[in-house]
Amino acid sequence: MTSLVRRNYFSHAMATEVRAHITGTVWKIEKKPGDSVSEGDTVVILESMKMEMPVEAPGSGTISSIKCKEGQAVDEGMVLATID
């Protein structure tokens, strides 16, 4: 699956936003702040139309924040997590 990525150029560090690629419900959060991730690691799993769809880290780094909760409805493009 392709992840939508947006870099935050207004902070000192280059944070990468991990965004929902579909509208759905957060089924499971696989990572927590402080966890190291590599490109392609699953950060969040979304459920849509009874299908589970992983949202993957677009690059390597450390999870700096999780911006969603399990069971939360999300829209396409919503920021789910940030990676530093």
PDB file of N, CA and C in Angstrom:
ATOM      1  N   MET A   1       0.839  -1.174   0.000  1.00  0.00           N
ATOM      2  CA  MET A   1       0.000   0.000   0.000  1.00  0.00           C
ATOM      3  C   MET A   1       0.884   1.237   0.000  1.00  0.00           C
ATOM      4  N   THR A   2       0.435   2.253  -0.654  1.00  0.00           N
ATOM      5  CA  THR A   2       1.154   3.511  -0.704  1.00  0.00           C
ATOM      6  C   THR A   2       0.715   4.386   0.448  1.00  0.00           C
ATOM      7  N   SER A   3       1.659   5.011   1.138  1.00  0.00           N
ATOM      8  CA  SER A   3       1.356   5.941   2.210  1.00  0.00           C
ATOM      9  C   SER A   3       1.470   7.357   1.689  1.00  0.00           C
ATOM     10  N   LEU A   4       0.575   8.211   2.158  1.00  0.00           N
ATOM     11  CA  LEU A   4       0.678   9.618   1.832  1.00  0.00           C
ATOM     12  C   LEU A   4       1.672  10.244   2.791  1.00  0.00           C
ATOM     13  N   VAL A   5       2.585  11.047   2.290  1.00  0.00           N
ATOM     14  CA  VAL A   5       3.647  11.619   3.106  1.00  0.00           C
ATOM     15  C   VAL A   5       3.629  13.131   2.957  1.00  0.00           C
ATOM     16  N   ARG A   6       3.831  13.801   4.073  1.00  0.00           N
ATOM     17  CA  ARG A   6       3.976  15.245   4.034  1.00  0.00           C
ATOM     18  C   ARG A   6       5.052  15.624   5.031  1.00  0.00           C
ATOM     19  N   ARG A   7       6.012  16.367   4.585  1.00  0.00           N
ATOM     20  CA  ARG A   7       7.084  16.812   5.457  1.00  0.00           C
ATOM     21  C   ARG A   7       6.700  18.144   6.094  1.00  0.00           C
ATOM     22  N   ASN A   8       7.026  18.299   7.372  1.00  0.00           N
ATOM     23  CA  ASN A   8       6.765  19.531   8.090  1.00  0.00           C
ATOM     24  C   ASN A   8       8.029  20.371   8.055  1.00  0.00           C
ATOM     25  N   TYR A   9       8.061  21.397   7.218  1.00  0.00           N
ATOM     26  CA  TYR A   9       9.257  22.203   7.030  1.00  0.00           C
ATOM     27  C   TYR A   9       9.362  23.343   8.034  1.00  0.00           C
ATOM     28  N   PHE A  10       8.391  23.477   8.935  1.00  0.00           N
ATOM     29  CA  PHE A  10       8.400  24.569   9.883  1.00  0.00           C
ATOM     30  C   PHE A  10       8.964  24.177  11.244  1.00  0.00           C
ATOM     31  N   SER A  11       9.362  22.954  11.441  1.00  0.00           N
ATOM     32  CA  SER A  11       9.971  22.542  12.700  1.00  0.00           C
ATOM     33  C   SER A  11      11.461  22.336  12.475  1.00  0.00           C
ATOM     34  N   HIS A  12      12.180  22.245  13.565  1.00  0.00           N
ATOM     35  CA  HIS A  12      13.631  22.054  13.467  1.00  0.00           C
ATOM     36  C   HIS A  12      13.978  20.696  12.880  1.00  0.00           C
ATOM     37  N   ALA A  13      13.247  19.690  13.278  1.00  0.00           N
ATOM     38  CA  ALA A  13      13.473  18.348  12.737  1.00  0.00           C
ATOM     39  C   ALA A  13      12.503  18.125  11.582  1.00  0.00           C
ATOM     40  N   MET A  14      12.895  17.260  10.682  1.00  0.00           N
ATOM     41  CA  MET A  14      12.032  16.946   9.547  1.00  0.00           C
ATOM     42  C   MET A  14      11.068  15.828   9.956  1.00  0.00           C
ATOM     43  N   ALA A  15       9.877  16.215  10.380  1.00  0.00           N
ATOM     44  CA  ALA A  15       8.876  15.220  10.759  1.00  0.00           C
ATOM     45  C   ALA A  15       8.152  14.748   9.502  1.00  0.00           C
ATOM     46  N   THR A  16       7.886  13.467   9.444  1.00  0.00           N
ATOM     47  CA  THR A  16       7.125  12.884   8.346  1.00  0.00           C
ATOM     48  C   THR A  16       5.748  12.523   8.874  1.00  0.00           C
ATOM     49  N   GLU A  17       4.707  12.979   8.200  1.00  0.00           N
ATOM     50  CA  GLU A  17       3.348  12.661   8.598  1.00  0.00           C
ATOM     51  C   GLU A  17       2.904  11.385   7.896  1.00  0.00           C
ATOM     52  N   VAL A  18       2.389  10.457   8.670  1.00  0.00           N
ATOM     53  CA  VAL A  18       1.826   9.228   8.128  1.00  0.00           C
ATOM     54  C   VAL A  18       0.318   9.457   8.045  1.00  0.00           C
ATOM     55  N   ARG A  19      -0.226   9.418   6.834  1.00  0.00           N
ATOM     56  CA  ARG A  19      -1.628   9.770   6.616  1.00  0.00           C
ATOM     57  C   ARG A  19      -2.444   8.565   6.156  1.00  0.00           C
ATOM     58  N   ALA A  20      -3.736   8.620   6.485  1.00  0.00           N
ATOM     59  CA  ALA A  20      -4.671   7.576   6.042  1.00  0.00           C
ATOM     60  C   ALA A  20      -4.804   7.634   4.523  1.00  0.00           C
ATOM     61  N   HIS A  21      -4.711   6.499   3.879  1.00  0.00           N
ATOM     62  CA  HIS A  21      -4.849   6.431   2.427  1.00  0.00           C
ATOM     63  C   HIS A  21      -6.282   6.092   2.001  1.00  0.00           C
ATOM     64  N   ILE A  22      -7.132   5.820   2.991  1.00  0.00           N
ATOM     65  CA  ILE A  22      -8.543   5.523   2.744  1.00  0.00           C
ATOM     66  C   ILE A  22      -9.371   6.071   3.908  1.00  0.00           C
ATOM     67  N   THR A  23     -10.657   6.200   3.699  1.00  0.00           N
ATOM     68  CA  THR A  23     -11.587   6.508   4.783  1.00  0.00           C
ATOM     69  C   THR A  23     -11.944   5.182   5.440  1.00  0.00           C
ATOM     70  N   GLY A  24     -11.899   5.155   6.767  1.00  0.00           N
ATOM     71  CA  GLY A  24     -12.202   3.914   7.468  1.00  0.00           C
ATOM     72  C   GLY A  24     -12.155   4.112   8.967  1.00  0.00           C
ATOM     73  N   THR A  25     -11.913   3.025   9.668  1.00  0.00           N
ATOM     74  CA  THR A  25     -11.831   3.009  11.121  1.00  0.00           C
ATOM     75  C   THR A  25     -10.469   2.470  11.534  1.00  0.00           C
ATOM     76  N   VAL A  26      -9.864   3.093  12.546  1.00  0.00           N
ATOM     77  CA  VAL A  26      -8.589   2.588  13.059  1.00  0.00           C
ATOM     78  C   VAL A  26      -8.881   1.272  13.775  1.00  0.00           C
ATOM     79  N   TRP A  27      -8.391   0.179  13.198  1.00  0.00           N
ATOM     80  CA  TRP A  27      -8.634  -1.141  13.766  1.00  0.00           C
ATOM     81  C   TRP A  27      -7.593  -1.461  14.834  1.00  0.00           C
ATOM     82  N   LYS A  28      -6.319  -1.151  14.542  1.00  0.00           N
ATOM     83  CA  LYS A  28      -5.245  -1.462  15.490  1.00  0.00           C
ATOM     84  C   LYS A  28      -4.088  -0.503  15.281  1.00  0.00           C
ATOM     85  N   ILE A  29      -3.487  -0.074  16.382  1.00  0.00           N
ATOM     86  CA  ILE A  29      -2.278   0.748  16.337  1.00  0.00           C
ATOM     87  C   ILE A  29      -1.114  -0.168  16.682  1.00  0.00           C
ATOM     88  N   GLU A  30      -0.210  -0.330  15.730  1.00  0.00           N
ATOM     89  CA  GLU A  30       0.901  -1.283  15.869  1.00  0.00           C
ATOM     90  C   GLU A  30       2.130  -0.695  16.558  1.00  0.00           C
ATOM     91  N   LYS A  31       2.298   0.620  16.501  1.00  0.00           N
ATOM     92  CA  LYS A  31       3.490   1.268  17.060  1.00  0.00           C
ATOM     93  C   LYS A  31       3.069   2.319  18.077  1.00  0.00           C
ATOM     94  N   LYS A  32       4.014   2.694  18.943  1.00  0.00           N
ATOM     95  CA  LYS A  32       3.763   3.729  19.940  1.00  0.00           C
ATOM     96  C   LYS A  32       4.899   4.746  19.896  1.00  0.00           C
ATOM     97  N   PRO A  33       4.681   5.942  20.450  1.00  0.00           N
ATOM     98  CA  PRO A  33       5.753   6.932  20.459  1.00  0.00           C
ATOM     99  C   PRO A  33       7.028   6.357  21.083  1.00  0.00           C
ATOM    100  N   GLY A  34       8.140   6.628  20.417  1.00  0.00           N
ATOM    101  CA  GLY A  34       9.430   6.117  20.866  1.00  0.00           C
ATOM    102  C   GLY A  34       9.886   4.872  20.130  1.00  0.00           C
ATOM    103  N   ASP A  35       8.956   4.186  19.451  1.00  0.00           N
ATOM    104  CA  ASP A  35       9.319   2.991  18.684  1.00  0.00           C
ATOM    105  C   ASP A  35      10.091   3.379  17.428  1.00  0.00           C
ATOM    106  N   SER A  36      11.104   2.605  17.113  1.00  0.00           N
ATOM    107  CA  SER A  36      11.835   2.772  15.857  1.00  0.00           C
ATOM    108  C   SER A  36      11.080   2.054  14.756  1.00  0.00           C
ATOM    109  N   VAL A  37      11.065   2.672  13.568  1.00  0.00           N
ATOM    110  CA  VAL A  37      10.424   2.047  12.415  1.00  0.00           C
ATOM    111  C   VAL A  37      11.340   2.134  11.212  1.00  0.00           C
ATOM    112  N   SER A  38      11.196   1.179  10.330  1.00  0.00           N
ATOM    113  CA  SER A  38      11.885   1.173   9.046  1.00  0.00           C
ATOM    114  C   SER A  38      10.849   1.372   7.962  1.00  0.00           C
ATOM    115  N   GLU A  39      11.286   1.819   6.806  1.00  0.00           N
ATOM    116  CA  GLU A  39      10.371   2.002   5.690  1.00  0.00           C
ATOM    117  C   GLU A  39       9.609   0.704   5.432  1.00  0.00           C
ATOM    118  N   GLY A  40       8.299   0.803   5.327  1.00  0.00           N
ATOM    119  CA  GLY A  40       7.467  -0.366   5.062  1.00  0.00           C
ATOM    120  C   GLY A  40       6.878  -1.022   6.299  1.00  0.00           C
ATOM    121  N   ASP A  41       7.362  -0.656   7.498  1.00  0.00           N
ATOM    122  CA  ASP A  41       6.777  -1.211   8.725  1.00  0.00           C
ATOM    123  C   ASP A  41       5.336  -0.729   8.868  1.00  0.00           C
ATOM    124  N   THR A  42       4.460  -1.593   9.351  1.00  0.00           N
ATOM    125  CA  THR A  42       3.073  -1.213   9.596  1.00  0.00           C
ATOM    126  C   THR A  42       3.003  -0.378  10.869  1.00  0.00           C
ATOM    127  N   VAL A  43       2.389   0.806  10.750  1.00  0.00           N
ATOM    128  CA  VAL A  43       2.213   1.703  11.895  1.00  0.00           C
ATOM    129  C   VAL A  43       0.795   1.570  12.446  1.00  0.00           C
ATOM    130  N   VAL A  44      -0.189   1.579  11.567  1.00  0.00           N
ATOM    131  CA  VAL A  44      -1.600   1.516  11.932  1.00  0.00           C
ATOM    132  C   VAL A  44      -2.291   0.576  10.943  1.00  0.00           C
ATOM    133  N   ILE A  45      -3.329  -0.106  11.402  1.00  0.00           N
ATOM    134  CA  ILE A  45      -4.161  -0.912  10.503  1.00  0.00           C
ATOM    135  C   ILE A  45      -5.546  -0.288  10.477  1.00  0.00           C
ATOM    136  N   LEU A  46      -6.006   0.046   9.271  1.00  0.00           N
ATOM    137  CA  LEU A  46      -7.345   0.589   9.087  1.00  0.00           C
ATOM    138  C   LEU A  46      -8.275  -0.510   8.618  1.00  0.00           C
ATOM    139  N   GLU A  47      -9.557  -0.372   8.983  1.00  0.00           N
ATOM    140  CA  GLU A  47     -10.589  -1.298   8.512  1.00  0.00           C
ATOM    141  C   GLU A  47     -11.561  -0.487   7.676  1.00  0.00           C
ATOM    142  N   SER A  48     -11.824  -0.994   6.492  1.00  0.00           N
ATOM    143  CA  SER A  48     -12.791  -0.355   5.602  1.00  0.00           C
ATOM    144  C   SER A  48     -13.469  -1.445   4.788  1.00  0.00           C
ATOM    145  N   MET A  49     -14.767  -1.422   4.746  1.00  0.00           N
ATOM    146  CA  MET A  49     -15.551  -2.418   4.010  1.00  0.00           C
ATOM    147  C   MET A  49     -15.156  -3.842   4.396  1.00  0.00           C
ATOM    148  N   LYS A  50     -14.960  -4.057   5.692  1.00  0.00           N
ATOM    149  CA  LYS A  50     -14.632  -5.371   6.261  1.00  0.00           C
ATOM    150  C   LYS A  50     -13.254  -5.894   5.844  1.00  0.00           C
ATOM    151  N   MET A  51     -12.406  -4.994   5.323  1.00  0.00           N
ATOM    152  CA  MET A  51     -11.036  -5.374   4.945  1.00  0.00           C
ATOM    153  C   MET A  51     -10.050  -4.616   5.827  1.00  0.00           C
ATOM    154  N   GLU A  52      -8.984  -5.290   6.238  1.00  0.00           N
ATOM    155  CA  GLU A  52      -7.923  -4.658   7.016  1.00  0.00           C
ATOM    156  C   GLU A  52      -6.842  -4.176   6.057  1.00  0.00           C
ATOM    157  N   MET A  53      -6.448  -2.902   6.203  1.00  0.00           N
ATOM    158  CA  MET A  53      -5.458  -2.325   5.306  1.00  0.00           C
ATOM    159  C   MET A  53      -4.360  -1.653   6.114  1.00  0.00           C
ATOM    160  N   PRO A  54      -3.114  -2.138   5.993  1.00  0.00           N
ATOM    161  CA  PRO A  54      -2.020  -1.547   6.759  1.00  0.00           C
ATOM    162  C   PRO A  54      -1.638  -0.175   6.214  1.00  0.00           C
ATOM    163  N   VAL A  55      -1.265   0.713   7.125  1.00  0.00           N
ATOM    164  CA  VAL A  55      -0.681   1.999   6.769  1.00  0.00           C
ATOM    165  C   VAL A  55       0.786   1.887   7.182  1.00  0.00           C
ATOM    166  N   GLU A  56       1.664   1.994   6.203  1.00  0.00           N
ATOM    167  CA  GLU A  56       3.085   1.718   6.416  1.00  0.00           C
ATOM    168  C   GLU A  56       3.900   2.984   6.600  1.00  0.00           C
ATOM    169  N   ALA A  57       5.011   2.844   7.306  1.00  0.00           N
ATOM    170  CA  ALA A  57       5.955   3.952   7.474  1.00  0.00           C
ATOM    171  C   ALA A  57       6.596   4.248   6.118  1.00  0.00           C
ATOM    172  N   PRO A  58       6.563   5.504   5.692  1.00  0.00           N
ATOM    173  CA  PRO A  58       7.156   5.854   4.403  1.00  0.00           C
ATOM    174  C   PRO A  58       8.674   5.955   4.459  1.00  0.00           C
ATOM    175  N   GLY A  59       9.231   5.944   5.651  1.00  0.00           N
ATOM    176  CA  GLY A  59      10.679   6.036   5.805  1.00  0.00           C
ATOM    177  C   GLY A  59      11.072   5.584   7.199  1.00  0.00           C
ATOM    178  N   SER A  60      12.361   5.541   7.446  1.00  0.00           N
ATOM    179  CA  SER A  60      12.876   5.117   8.751  1.00  0.00           C
ATOM    180  C   SER A  60      12.907   6.282   9.722  1.00  0.00           C
ATOM    181  N   GLY A  61      12.813   5.960  11.001  1.00  0.00           N
ATOM    182  CA  GLY A  61      12.886   6.983  12.039  1.00  0.00           C
ATOM    183  C   GLY A  61      12.286   6.478  13.326  1.00  0.00           C
ATOM    184  N   THR A  62      11.863   7.417  14.153  1.00  0.00           N
ATOM    185  CA  THR A  62      11.258   7.115  15.444  1.00  0.00           C
ATOM    186  C   THR A  62       9.861   7.729  15.470  1.00  0.00           C
ATOM    187  N   ILE A  63       8.888   6.949  15.915  1.00  0.00           N
ATOM    188  CA  ILE A  63       7.526   7.468  16.049  1.00  0.00           C
ATOM    189  C   ILE A  63       7.551   8.566  17.104  1.00  0.00           C
ATOM    190  N   SER A  64       7.175   9.783  16.706  1.00  0.00           N
ATOM    191  CA  SER A  64       7.157  10.889  17.671  1.00  0.00           C
ATOM    192  C   SER A  64       5.767  11.109  18.247  1.00  0.00           C
ATOM    193  N   SER A  65       4.722  10.774  17.479  1.00  0.00           N
ATOM    194  CA  SER A  65       3.372  10.892  18.019  1.00  0.00           C
ATOM    195  C   SER A  65       2.406  10.003  17.243  1.00  0.00           C
ATOM    196  N   ILE A  66       1.374   9.577  17.963  1.00  0.00           N
ATOM    197  CA  ILE A  66       0.241   8.866  17.365  1.00  0.00           C
ATOM    198  C   ILE A  66      -0.943   9.806  17.512  1.00  0.00           C
ATOM    199  N   LYS A  67      -1.610  10.109  16.416  1.00  0.00           N
ATOM    200  CA  LYS A  67      -2.659  11.124  16.404  1.00  0.00           C
ATOM    201  C   LYS A  67      -4.047  10.526  16.225  1.00  0.00           C
ATOM    202  N   CYS A  68      -4.191   9.230  16.532  1.00  0.00           N
ATOM    203  CA  CYS A  68      -5.492   8.575  16.405  1.00  0.00           C
ATOM    204  C   CYS A  68      -5.645   7.566  17.534  1.00  0.00           C
ATOM    205  N   LYS A  69      -6.852   7.046  17.671  1.00  0.00           N
ATOM    206  CA  LYS A  69      -7.147   6.032  18.685  1.00  0.00           C
ATOM    207  C   LYS A  69      -7.838   4.856  18.016  1.00  0.00           C
ATOM    208  N   GLU A  70      -7.664   3.676  18.583  1.00  0.00           N
ATOM    209  CA  GLU A  70      -8.351   2.499  18.052  1.00  0.00           C
ATOM    210  C   GLU A  70      -9.854   2.730  18.140  1.00  0.00           C
ATOM    211  N   GLY A  71     -10.553   2.390  17.056  1.00  0.00           N
ATOM    212  CA  GLY A  71     -11.989   2.571  16.983  1.00  0.00           C
ATOM    213  C   GLY A  71     -12.408   3.912  16.392  1.00  0.00           C
ATOM    214  N   GLN A  72     -11.444   4.803  16.185  1.00  0.00           N
ATOM    215  CA  GLN A  72     -11.734   6.135  15.654  1.00  0.00           C
ATOM    216  C   GLN A  72     -11.995   6.086  14.153  1.00  0.00           C
ATOM    217  N   ALA A  73     -13.008   6.810  13.701  1.00  0.00           N
ATOM    218  CA  ALA A  73     -13.258   6.957  12.268  1.00  0.00           C
ATOM    219  C   ALA A  73     -12.280   7.999  11.724  1.00  0.00           C
ATOM    220  N   VAL A  74     -11.678   7.701  10.572  1.00  0.00           N
ATOM    221  CA  VAL A  74     -10.731   8.625   9.950  1.00  0.00           C
ATOM    222  C   VAL A  74     -11.090   8.826   8.484  1.00  0.00           C
ATOM    223  N   ASP A  75     -10.755  10.007   7.998  1.00  0.00           N
ATOM    224  CA  ASP A  75     -10.962  10.328   6.594  1.00  0.00           C
ATOM    225  C   ASP A  75      -9.660  10.171   5.833  1.00  0.00           C
ATOM    226  N   GLU A  76      -9.754   9.948   4.547  1.00  0.00           N
ATOM    227  CA  GLU A  76      -8.571   9.878   3.695  1.00  0.00           C
ATOM    228  C   GLU A  76      -7.766  11.162   3.853  1.00  0.00           C
ATOM    229  N   GLY A  77      -6.462  11.011   4.046  1.00  0.00           N
ATOM    230  CA  GLY A  77      -5.570  12.148   4.198  1.00  0.00           C
ATOM    231  C   GLY A  77      -5.333  12.600   5.618  1.00  0.00           C
ATOM    232  N   MET A  78      -6.086  12.069   6.580  1.00  0.00           N
ATOM    233  CA  MET A  78      -5.911  12.449   7.985  1.00  0.00           C
ATOM    234  C   MET A  78      -4.561  11.961   8.497  1.00  0.00           C
ATOM    235  N   VAL A  79      -3.898  12.803   9.310  1.00  0.00           N
ATOM    236  CA  VAL A  79      -2.611  12.420   9.906  1.00  0.00           C
ATOM    237  C   VAL A  79      -2.870  11.418  11.014  1.00  0.00           C
ATOM    238  N   LEU A  80      -2.218  10.250  10.911  1.00  0.00           N
ATOM    239  CA  LEU A  80      -2.367   9.195  11.913  1.00  0.00           C
ATOM    240  C   LEU A  80      -1.194   9.144  12.876  1.00  0.00           C
ATOM    241  N   ALA A  81      -0.005   9.511  12.384  1.00  0.00           N
ATOM    242  CA  ALA A  81       1.207   9.453  13.198  1.00  0.00           C
ATOM    243  C   ALA A  81       2.258  10.369  12.580  1.00  0.00           C
ATOM    244  N   THR A  82       3.270  10.678  13.380  1.00  0.00           N
ATOM    245  CA  THR A  82       4.426  11.419  12.854  1.00  0.00           C
ATOM    246  C   THR A  82       5.695  10.653  13.193  1.00  0.00           C
ATOM    247  N   ILE A  83       6.657  10.757  12.290  1.00  0.00           N
ATOM    248  CA  ILE A  83       7.951  10.088  12.439  1.00  0.00           C
ATOM    249  C   ILE A  83       9.042  11.147  12.347  1.00  0.00           C
ATOM    250  N   ASP A  84       9.979  11.109  13.280  1.00  0.00           N
ATOM    251  CA  ASP A  84      11.158  11.986  13.227  1.00  0.00           C
ATOM    252  C   ASP A  84      12.358  11.199  12.816  1.00  0.00           C
TER     253      ASP A  84
END
